[in-house]
Amino acid sequence: MSKSTRSPAELRNMFGANLRILSKNYPSISELARQLGINRTQFNRYLSGESFPRPDVLDRICDFFDVDARILLDPVDTLNTGGSILNGPILSQFTGPGVSDVNEDVFPSGFYRFSRRSFINESQFIVGLVHVFRYTNHVYVRGYEAREAMRQQGLPIDARAREFRGYAIRQEDGVALMISRRKAMTSSFNYLARVASFENNYWVGYVTRTVRESTTGTRVTRMVYEHLGGGWGGVLDAARHTGFKTEEELLPFHRRLLQPADPFR
């Protein structure tokens, strides 16, 4: 059957299947529906293929997941998205192998607690939480900026404005992450390498911002990632203790790895 002769039911089923794939990386459907501004019951009807969204709601869904309206027509994992820049014909032999070779042994999926010195207040540190997940053979990272950090920069503090996402590239002895907020014109580059620890669950490296040099601000600082495993108890506890911290409030091993008294080189 050609695409031009598909029935409304077939199109609804295709959209529902694609939406289920896009939604599976979010631990709470209720929270996802809230972020999209869609009634949970109506969102469930989209997921089950019972209903189509209105054009304005479809536009909102496509913008949120960074896809286009072809999710009504084709399986989402066959759509040609911006990821083809890195592993397309021009760069496939340069960046492509690194993009597709980040296996679970190198950088496991799951939640990570991170810590680093604040860029906007060097006397304080940021402790946050990110989720690393795999989708169509690539590794992505998703998290939220601290509310107070956004507030101090005069930026909105709602969840949509604070959200950031990025992707991972394999490096010789670690991983590199490129991360941005939604529709932002600046990014951060993160490099992380695993360090010896009791549970082999720590990575240390640095993060740098894509901003102009300043005589008063910092553009690069050490960063620690701690893999929290699969237990929700540890993840929820970590989420409750995110935000700005003093050096004394950092977890001891994070503080040791960050070496606050030593300049970054």
C-alpha atoms as a PDB file:
ATOM      1  CA  MET A   1       0.000   0.000   0.000  1.00  0.00           C
ATOM      2  CA  SER A   2       1.435   3.399  -0.965  1.00  0.00           C
ATOM      3  CA  LYS A   3       1.759   6.193   1.524  1.00  0.00           C
ATOM      4  CA  SER A   4      -0.897   8.206  -0.356  1.00  0.00           C
ATOM      5  CA  THR A   5      -3.533   5.499   0.244  1.00  0.00           C
ATOM      6  CA  ARG A   6      -2.950   4.833   3.941  1.00  0.00           C
ATOM      7  CA  SER A   7      -6.073   4.898   6.036  1.00  0.00           C
ATOM      8  CA  PRO A   8      -6.484   7.291   8.984  1.00  0.00           C
ATOM      9  CA  ALA A   9      -6.212   4.292  11.333  1.00  0.00           C
ATOM     10  CA  GLU A  10      -2.853   3.289   9.823  1.00  0.00           C
ATOM     11  CA  LEU A  11      -1.538   6.818  10.182  1.00  0.00           C
ATOM     12  CA  ARG A  12      -2.724   7.016  13.784  1.00  0.00           C
ATOM     13  CA  ASN A  13      -1.023   3.705  14.531  1.00  0.00           C
ATOM     14  CA  MET A  14       2.235   4.900  12.949  1.00  0.00           C
ATOM     15  CA  PHE A  15       2.164   8.115  14.954  1.00  0.00           C
ATOM     16  CA  GLY A  16       1.340   6.237  18.156  1.00  0.00           C
ATOM     17  CA  ALA A  17       4.201   3.759  17.633  1.00  0.00           C
ATOM     18  CA  ASN A  18       6.659   6.586  16.957  1.00  0.00           C
ATOM     19  CA  LEU A  19       5.459   8.545  19.975  1.00  0.00           C
ATOM     20  CA  ARG A  20       5.903   5.483  22.201  1.00  0.00           C
ATOM     21  CA  ILE A  21       9.505   5.147  20.999  1.00  0.00           C
ATOM     22  CA  LEU A  22      10.215   8.833  21.595  1.00  0.00           C
ATOM     23  CA  SER A  23       8.611   8.678  25.050  1.00  0.00           C
ATOM     24  CA  LYS A  24      10.367   5.573  26.364  1.00  0.00           C
ATOM     25  CA  ASN A  25      13.423   7.531  27.517  1.00  0.00           C
ATOM     26  CA  TYR A  26      11.283   9.534  29.947  1.00  0.00           C
ATOM     27  CA  PRO A  27      10.661   7.800  33.293  1.00  0.00           C
ATOM     28  CA  SER A  28       7.244   9.431  33.798  1.00  0.00           C
ATOM     29  CA  ILE A  29       4.583   9.764  31.119  1.00  0.00           C
ATOM     30  CA  SER A  30       2.663  12.130  33.388  1.00  0.00           C
ATOM     31  CA  GLU A  31       5.674  14.457  33.652  1.00  0.00           C
ATOM     32  CA  LEU A  32       6.280  14.243  29.898  1.00  0.00           C
ATOM     33  CA  ALA A  33       2.654  15.154  29.184  1.00  0.00           C
ATOM     34  CA  ARG A  34       2.941  18.057  31.624  1.00  0.00           C
ATOM     35  CA  GLN A  35       6.083  19.380  29.897  1.00  0.00           C
ATOM     36  CA  LEU A  36       4.308  19.149  26.545  1.00  0.00           C
ATOM     37  CA  GLY A  37       1.224  20.902  27.926  1.00  0.00           C
ATOM     38  CA  ILE A  38      -1.019  18.003  26.905  1.00  0.00           C
ATOM     39  CA  ASN A  39      -3.741  16.399  29.018  1.00  0.00           C
ATOM     40  CA  ARG A  40      -2.520  12.975  30.213  1.00  0.00           C
ATOM     41  CA  THR A  41      -5.661  11.192  29.015  1.00  0.00           C
ATOM     42  CA  GLN A  42      -5.352  12.777  25.563  1.00  0.00           C
ATOM     43  CA  PHE A  43      -1.645  11.950  25.434  1.00  0.00           C
ATOM     44  CA  ASN A  44      -2.478   8.290  26.165  1.00  0.00           C
ATOM     45  CA  ARG A  45      -4.880   8.351  23.203  1.00  0.00           C
ATOM     46  CA  TYR A  46      -2.024   9.545  20.975  1.00  0.00           C
ATOM     47  CA  LEU A  47       0.239   6.782  22.328  1.00  0.00           C
ATOM     48  CA  SER A  48      -2.349   4.089  21.661  1.00  0.00           C
ATOM     49  CA  GLY A  49      -3.102   5.300  18.121  1.00  0.00           C
ATOM     50  CA  GLU A  50      -6.670   6.258  18.972  1.00  0.00           C
ATOM     51  CA  SER A  51      -6.312   9.935  18.088  1.00  0.00           C
ATOM     52  CA  PHE A  52      -4.320  12.491  16.079  1.00  0.00           C
ATOM     53  CA  PRO A  53      -3.087  15.742  17.632  1.00  0.00           C
ATOM     54  CA  ARG A  54      -4.271  19.086  16.307  1.00  0.00           C
ATOM     55  CA  PRO A  55      -1.728  20.813  14.006  1.00  0.00           C
ATOM     56  CA  ASP A  56      -0.559  23.172  16.767  1.00  0.00           C
ATOM     57  CA  VAL A  57      -0.124  20.262  19.210  1.00  0.00           C
ATOM     58  CA  LEU A  58       1.727  18.225  16.580  1.00  0.00           C
ATOM     59  CA  ASP A  59       4.057  21.180  16.032  1.00  0.00           C
ATOM     60  CA  ARG A  60       4.687  21.333  19.790  1.00  0.00           C
ATOM     61  CA  ILE A  61       5.447  17.586  19.939  1.00  0.00           C
ATOM     62  CA  CYS A  62       7.808  17.751  16.949  1.00  0.00           C
ATOM     63  CA  ASP A  63       9.642  20.745  18.417  1.00  0.00           C
ATOM     64  CA  PHE A  64      10.008  19.036  21.798  1.00  0.00           C
ATOM     65  CA  PHE A  65      11.445  15.803  20.356  1.00  0.00           C
ATOM     66  CA  ASP A  66      13.364  17.585  17.559  1.00  0.00           C
ATOM     67  CA  VAL A  67      11.659  15.628  14.755  1.00  0.00           C
ATOM     68  CA  ASP A  68       9.397  16.674  11.868  1.00  0.00           C
ATOM     69  CA  ALA A  69       5.872  15.791  10.799  1.00  0.00           C
ATOM     70  CA  ARG A  70       7.064  12.664   9.012  1.00  0.00           C
ATOM     71  CA  ILE A  71       6.487  10.879  12.317  1.00  0.00           C
ATOM     72  CA  LEU A  72       2.926  10.548  10.929  1.00  0.00           C
ATOM     73  CA  LEU A  73       4.239   8.590   7.947  1.00  0.00           C
ATOM     74  CA  ASP A  74       7.477   6.701   8.652  1.00  0.00           C
ATOM     75  CA  PRO A  75       9.131   4.838  11.536  1.00  0.00           C
ATOM     76  CA  VAL A  76      10.965   7.410  13.618  1.00  0.00           C
ATOM     77  CA  ASP A  77      14.273   5.529  13.502  1.00  0.00           C
ATOM     78  CA  THR A  78      14.352   5.845   9.685  1.00  0.00           C
ATOM     79  CA  LEU A  79      13.965   9.624   9.620  1.00  0.00           C
ATOM     80  CA  ASN A  80      16.988  11.564   8.463  1.00  0.00           C
ATOM     81  CA  THR A  81      17.747  13.961  11.341  1.00  0.00           C
ATOM     82  CA  GLY A  82      20.615  16.298  12.144  1.00  0.00           C
ATOM     83  CA  GLY A  83      22.643  13.363  13.493  1.00  0.00           C
ATOM     84  CA  SER A  84      23.604  12.531   9.910  1.00  0.00           C
ATOM     85  CA  ILE A  85      26.000  15.484  10.005  1.00  0.00           C
ATOM     86  CA  LEU A  86      28.385  13.569  12.264  1.00  0.00           C
ATOM     87  CA  ASN A  87      28.131  10.142  10.645  1.00  0.00           C
ATOM     88  CA  GLY A  88      27.137  11.181   7.118  1.00  0.00           C
ATOM     89  CA  PRO A  89      29.370  10.964   4.031  1.00  0.00           C
ATOM     90  CA  ILE A  90      31.557  14.010   4.837  1.00  0.00           C
ATOM     91  CA  LEU A  91      32.528  13.170   8.436  1.00  0.00           C
ATOM     92  CA  SER A  92      31.804   9.447   8.756  1.00  0.00           C
ATOM     93  CA  GLN A  93      35.504   8.496   8.788  1.00  0.00           C
ATOM     94  CA  PHE A  94      36.404  11.315  11.184  1.00  0.00           C
ATOM     95  CA  THR A  95      33.683  11.648  13.845  1.00  0.00           C
ATOM     96  CA  GLY A  96      31.399   8.777  12.816  1.00  0.00           C
ATOM     97  CA  PRO A  97      33.262   5.892  14.498  1.00  0.00           C
ATOM     98  CA  GLY A  98      33.356   7.782  17.790  1.00  0.00           C
ATOM     99  CA  VAL A  99      29.642   8.568  17.687  1.00  0.00           C
ATOM    100  CA  SER A 100      28.595   4.951  17.173  1.00  0.00           C
ATOM    101  CA  ASP A 101      31.149   3.220  19.428  1.00  0.00           C
ATOM    102  CA  VAL A 102      30.209   4.328  22.946  1.00  0.00           C
ATOM    103  CA  ASN A 103      29.294   0.978  24.475  1.00  0.00           C
ATOM    104  CA  GLU A 104      27.949   0.262  27.950  1.00  0.00           C
ATOM    105  CA  ASP A 105      31.381  -0.708  29.260  1.00  0.00           C
ATOM    106  CA  VAL A 106      32.776   2.688  28.282  1.00  0.00           C
ATOM    107  CA  PHE A 107      29.868   4.850  29.479  1.00  0.00           C
ATOM    108  CA  PRO A 108      26.889   3.007  31.017  1.00  0.00           C
ATOM    109  CA  SER A 109      23.301   4.143  30.636  1.00  0.00           C
ATOM    110  CA  GLY A 110      21.502   5.470  33.687  1.00  0.00           C
ATOM    111  CA  PHE A 111      21.537   8.445  36.034  1.00  0.00           C
ATOM    112  CA  TYR A 112      24.694  10.317  37.002  1.00  0.00           C
ATOM    113  CA  ARG A 113      25.349  12.847  39.749  1.00  0.00           C
ATOM    114  CA  PHE A 114      27.810  15.507  38.571  1.00  0.00           C
ATOM    115  CA  SER A 115      29.695  18.268  40.337  1.00  0.00           C
ATOM    116  CA  ARG A 116      31.827  21.168  39.141  1.00  0.00           C
ATOM    117  CA  ARG A 117      32.784  24.679  40.140  1.00  0.00           C
ATOM    118  CA  SER A 118      30.176  27.289  39.227  1.00  0.00           C
ATOM    119  CA  PHE A 119      30.951  29.475  36.223  1.00  0.00           C
ATOM    120  CA  ILE A 120      28.984  32.424  37.605  1.00  0.00           C
ATOM    121  CA  ASN A 121      30.174  32.242  41.230  1.00  0.00           C
ATOM    122  CA  GLU A 122      33.612  30.695  41.638  1.00  0.00           C
ATOM    123  CA  SER A 123      33.216  30.401  45.406  1.00  0.00           C
ATOM    124  CA  GLN A 124      30.436  27.858  44.906  1.00  0.00           C
ATOM    125  CA  PHE A 125      29.957  24.519  43.159  1.00  0.00           C
ATOM    126  CA  ILE A 126      27.108  23.057  41.114  1.00  0.00           C
ATOM    127  CA  VAL A 127      25.793  19.579  41.892  1.00  0.00           C
ATOM    128  CA  GLY A 128      23.348  18.216  39.343  1.00  0.00           C
ATOM    129  CA  LEU A 129      21.763  15.103  37.862  1.00  0.00           C
ATOM    130  CA  VAL A 130      21.791  13.847  34.277  1.00  0.00           C
ATOM    131  CA  HIS A 131      20.304  10.859  32.482  1.00  0.00           C
ATOM    132  CA  VAL A 132      22.415   9.007  29.908  1.00  0.00           C
ATOM    133  CA  PHE A 133      20.438   6.850  27.475  1.00  0.00           C
ATOM    134  CA  ARG A 134      20.788   5.064  24.153  1.00  0.00           C
ATOM    135  CA  TYR A 135      18.619   5.600  21.099  1.00  0.00           C
ATOM    136  CA  THR A 136      19.137   4.320  17.531  1.00  0.00           C
ATOM    137  CA  ASN A 137      22.726   3.245  18.284  1.00  0.00           C
ATOM    138  CA  HIS A 138      23.791   6.587  19.755  1.00  0.00           C
ATOM    139  CA  VAL A 139      24.298   7.834  23.299  1.00  0.00           C
ATOM    140  CA  TYR A 140      22.534  10.931  24.586  1.00  0.00           C
ATOM    141  CA  VAL A 141      22.538  12.917  27.811  1.00  0.00           C
ATOM    142  CA  ARG A 142      19.663  14.921  29.276  1.00  0.00           C
ATOM    143  CA  GLY A 143      19.366  17.060  32.394  1.00  0.00           C
ATOM    144  CA  TYR A 144      18.311  20.401  33.855  1.00  0.00           C
ATOM    145  CA  GLU A 145      20.252  23.495  34.845  1.00  0.00           C
ATOM    146  CA  ALA A 146      19.958  24.564  38.480  1.00  0.00           C
ATOM    147  CA  ARG A 147      17.117  27.055  39.001  1.00  0.00           C
ATOM    148  CA  GLU A 148      19.311  29.489  40.927  1.00  0.00           C
ATOM    149  CA  ALA A 149      21.989  29.451  38.216  1.00  0.00           C
ATOM    150  CA  MET A 150      19.362  30.377  35.612  1.00  0.00           C
ATOM    151  CA  ARG A 151      17.861  33.017  37.896  1.00  0.00           C
ATOM    152  CA  GLN A 152      21.237  34.687  38.475  1.00  0.00           C
ATOM    153  CA  GLN A 153      21.697  34.987  34.706  1.00  0.00           C
ATOM    154  CA  GLY A 154      18.260  36.557  34.267  1.00  0.00           C
ATOM    155  CA  LEU A 155      16.952  33.495  32.405  1.00  0.00           C
ATOM    156  CA  PRO A 156      13.603  31.676  32.752  1.00  0.00           C
ATOM    157  CA  ILE A 157      13.524  28.961  35.416  1.00  0.00           C
ATOM    158  CA  ASP A 158      10.720  26.740  34.096  1.00  0.00           C
ATOM    159  CA  ALA A 159      11.630  23.124  33.294  1.00  0.00           C
ATOM    160  CA  ARG A 160      11.531  23.597  29.506  1.00  0.00           C
ATOM    161  CA  ALA A 161      13.985  26.521  29.642  1.00  0.00           C
ATOM    162  CA  ARG A 162      16.328  24.724  32.044  1.00  0.00           C
ATOM    163  CA  GLU A 163      16.480  21.454  30.101  1.00  0.00           C
ATOM    164  CA  PHE A 164      19.700  20.583  28.282  1.00  0.00           C
ATOM    165  CA  ARG A 165      20.566  17.701  25.982  1.00  0.00           C
ATOM    166  CA  GLY A 166      23.674  16.429  24.262  1.00  0.00           C
ATOM    167  CA  TYR A 167      25.385  13.456  22.675  1.00  0.00           C
ATOM    168  CA  ALA A 168      28.478  11.393  23.471  1.00  0.00           C
ATOM    169  CA  ILE A 169      31.510  10.644  21.298  1.00  0.00           C
ATOM    170  CA  ARG A 170      34.041   7.924  22.109  1.00  0.00           C
ATOM    171  CA  GLN A 171      37.551   9.158  22.867  1.00  0.00           C
ATOM    172  CA  GLU A 172      40.746   7.120  23.225  1.00  0.00           C
ATOM    173  CA  ASP A 173      40.454   6.850  27.008  1.00  0.00           C
ATOM    174  CA  GLY A 174      37.036   8.304  27.741  1.00  0.00           C
ATOM    175  CA  VAL A 175      34.082  10.167  26.254  1.00  0.00           C
ATOM    176  CA  ALA A 176      33.340  13.681  25.065  1.00  0.00           C
ATOM    177  CA  LEU A 177      29.913  15.277  25.423  1.00  0.00           C
ATOM    178  CA  MET A 178      28.483  18.198  23.456  1.00  0.00           C
ATOM    179  CA  ILE A 179      25.591  19.758  25.366  1.00  0.00           C
ATOM    180  CA  SER A 180      23.186  22.674  24.767  1.00  0.00           C
ATOM    181  CA  ARG A 181      19.928  24.041  26.098  1.00  0.00           C
ATOM    182  CA  ARG A 182      16.922  24.153  23.770  1.00  0.00           C
ATOM    183  CA  LYS A 183      17.552  26.529  20.824  1.00  0.00           C
ATOM    184  CA  ALA A 184      20.606  27.985  22.587  1.00  0.00           C
ATOM    185  CA  MET A 185      23.456  29.561  20.635  1.00  0.00           C
ATOM    186  CA  THR A 186      26.081  28.416  23.153  1.00  0.00           C
ATOM    187  CA  SER A 187      27.198  24.931  24.144  1.00  0.00           C
ATOM    188  CA  SER A 188      29.463  23.192  26.596  1.00  0.00           C
ATOM    189  CA  PHE A 189      32.125  20.621  25.784  1.00  0.00           C
ATOM    190  CA  ASN A 190      32.712  17.926  28.385  1.00  0.00           C
ATOM    191  CA  TYR A 191      35.545  15.405  28.525  1.00  0.00           C
ATOM    192  CA  LEU A 192      35.386  12.504  31.001  1.00  0.00           C
ATOM    193  CA  ALA A 193      37.622   9.513  31.749  1.00  0.00           C
ATOM    194  CA  ARG A 194      36.943   6.755  34.259  1.00  0.00           C
ATOM    195  CA  VAL A 195      39.011   6.822  37.456  1.00  0.00           C
ATOM    196  CA  ALA A 196      39.739   4.058  39.937  1.00  0.00           C
ATOM    197  CA  SER A 197      37.095   3.721  42.648  1.00  0.00           C
ATOM    198  CA  PHE A 198      35.543   0.990  44.763  1.00  0.00           C
ATOM    199  CA  GLU A 199      32.560   0.464  42.445  1.00  0.00           C
ATOM    200  CA  ASN A 200      34.312   1.683  39.272  1.00  0.00           C
ATOM    201  CA  ASN A 201      31.544   4.266  38.860  1.00  0.00           C
ATOM    202  CA  TYR A 202      33.389   7.614  38.690  1.00  0.00           C
ATOM    203  CA  TRP A 203      34.541   9.689  35.741  1.00  0.00           C
ATOM    204  CA  VAL A 204      36.571  12.895  36.021  1.00  0.00           C
ATOM    205  CA  GLY A 205      37.472  15.465  33.408  1.00  0.00           C
ATOM    206  CA  TYR A 206      36.522  19.021  32.586  1.00  0.00           C
ATOM    207  CA  VAL A 207      33.811  21.187  31.088  1.00  0.00           C
ATOM    208  CA  THR A 208      34.321  24.289  28.977  1.00  0.00           C
ATOM    209  CA  ARG A 209      31.833  26.906  27.781  1.00  0.00           C
ATOM    210  CA  THR A 210      31.662  28.318  24.249  1.00  0.00           C
ATOM    211  CA  VAL A 211      31.822  31.977  25.314  1.00  0.00           C
ATOM    212  CA  ARG A 212      34.273  34.816  24.792  1.00  0.00           C
ATOM    213  CA  GLU A 213      37.333  35.110  27.003  1.00  0.00           C
ATOM    214  CA  SER A 214      36.822  37.264  30.088  1.00  0.00           C
ATOM    215  CA  THR A 215      39.273  38.668  32.618  1.00  0.00           C
ATOM    216  CA  THR A 216      36.821  37.938  35.440  1.00  0.00           C
ATOM    217  CA  GLY A 217      34.965  34.781  34.374  1.00  0.00           C
ATOM    218  CA  THR A 218      35.988  31.149  34.038  1.00  0.00           C
ATOM    219  CA  ARG A 219      35.417  29.165  30.858  1.00  0.00           C
ATOM    220  CA  VAL A 220      36.837  25.778  31.894  1.00  0.00           C
ATOM    221  CA  THR A 221      36.782  23.802  35.144  1.00  0.00           C
ATOM    222  CA  ARG A 222      37.055  20.232  36.403  1.00  0.00           C
ATOM    223  CA  MET A 223      33.972  18.033  36.444  1.00  0.00           C
ATOM    224  CA  VAL A 224      33.074  14.741  38.165  1.00  0.00           C
ATOM    225  CA  TYR A 225      30.414  12.251  37.035  1.00  0.00           C
ATOM    226  CA  GLU A 226      29.210   9.539  39.431  1.00  0.00           C
ATOM    227  CA  HIS A 227      27.106   6.713  37.983  1.00  0.00           C
ATOM    228  CA  LEU A 228      24.234   6.041  40.403  1.00  0.00           C
ATOM    229  CA  GLY A 229      23.157   2.650  39.107  1.00  0.00           C
ATOM    230  CA  GLY A 230      19.597   1.468  38.659  1.00  0.00           C
ATOM    231  CA  GLY A 231      18.130   2.052  42.120  1.00  0.00           C
ATOM    232  CA  TRP A 232      15.499   4.816  42.245  1.00  0.00           C
ATOM    233  CA  GLY A 233      16.188   5.485  45.922  1.00  0.00           C
ATOM    234  CA  GLY A 234      19.694   6.760  45.228  1.00  0.00           C
ATOM    235  CA  VAL A 235      18.515   8.778  42.226  1.00  0.00           C
ATOM    236  CA  LEU A 236      15.724  10.503  44.151  1.00  0.00           C
ATOM    237  CA  ASP A 237      18.055  11.271  47.053  1.00  0.00           C
ATOM    238  CA  ALA A 238      20.593  12.764  44.636  1.00  0.00           C
ATOM    239  CA  ALA A 239      17.844  14.860  43.004  1.00  0.00           C
ATOM    240  CA  ARG A 240      16.917  16.335  46.380  1.00  0.00           C
ATOM    241  CA  HIS A 241      20.488  17.533  46.940  1.00  0.00           C
ATOM    242  CA  THR A 242      21.203  19.313  43.655  1.00  0.00           C
ATOM    243  CA  GLY A 243      21.973  23.006  43.221  1.00  0.00           C
ATOM    244  CA  PHE A 244      24.639  25.371  44.536  1.00  0.00           C
ATOM    245  CA  LYS A 245      26.988  23.962  47.189  1.00  0.00           C
ATOM    246  CA  THR A 246      29.971  25.206  49.161  1.00  0.00           C
ATOM    247  CA  GLU A 247      33.226  23.274  48.993  1.00  0.00           C
ATOM    248  CA  GLU A 248      32.498  21.831  52.442  1.00  0.00           C
ATOM    249  CA  GLU A 249      29.073  20.578  51.284  1.00  0.00           C
ATOM    250  CA  LEU A 250      30.507  18.502  48.421  1.00  0.00           C
ATOM    251  CA  LEU A 251      30.621  14.736  48.836  1.00  0.00           C
ATOM    252  CA  PRO A 252      34.142  13.802  50.032  1.00  0.00           C
ATOM    253  CA  PHE A 253      35.172  11.807  46.959  1.00  0.00           C
ATOM    254  CA  HIS A 254      33.761  14.460  44.616  1.00  0.00           C
ATOM    255  CA  ARG A 255      35.766  17.100  46.493  1.00  0.00           C
ATOM    256  CA  ARG A 256      38.905  14.972  46.263  1.00  0.00           C
ATOM    257  CA  LEU A 257      38.542  14.504  42.509  1.00  0.00           C
ATOM    258  CA  LEU A 258      37.708  18.166  41.864  1.00  0.00           C
ATOM    259  CA  GLN A 259      40.904  19.326  43.648  1.00  0.00           C
ATOM    260  CA  PRO A 260      39.442  22.778  44.439  1.00  0.00           C
ATOM    261  CA  ALA A 261      42.746  24.162  45.726  1.00  0.00           C
ATOM    262  CA  ASP A 262      44.686  23.242  42.572  1.00  0.00           C
ATOM    263  CA  PRO A 263      44.325  25.303  39.377  1.00  0.00           C
ATOM    264  CA  PHE A 264      43.043  23.498  36.300  1.00  0.00           C
ATOM    265  CA  ARG A 265      45.680  22.879  33.648  1.00  0.00           C
END
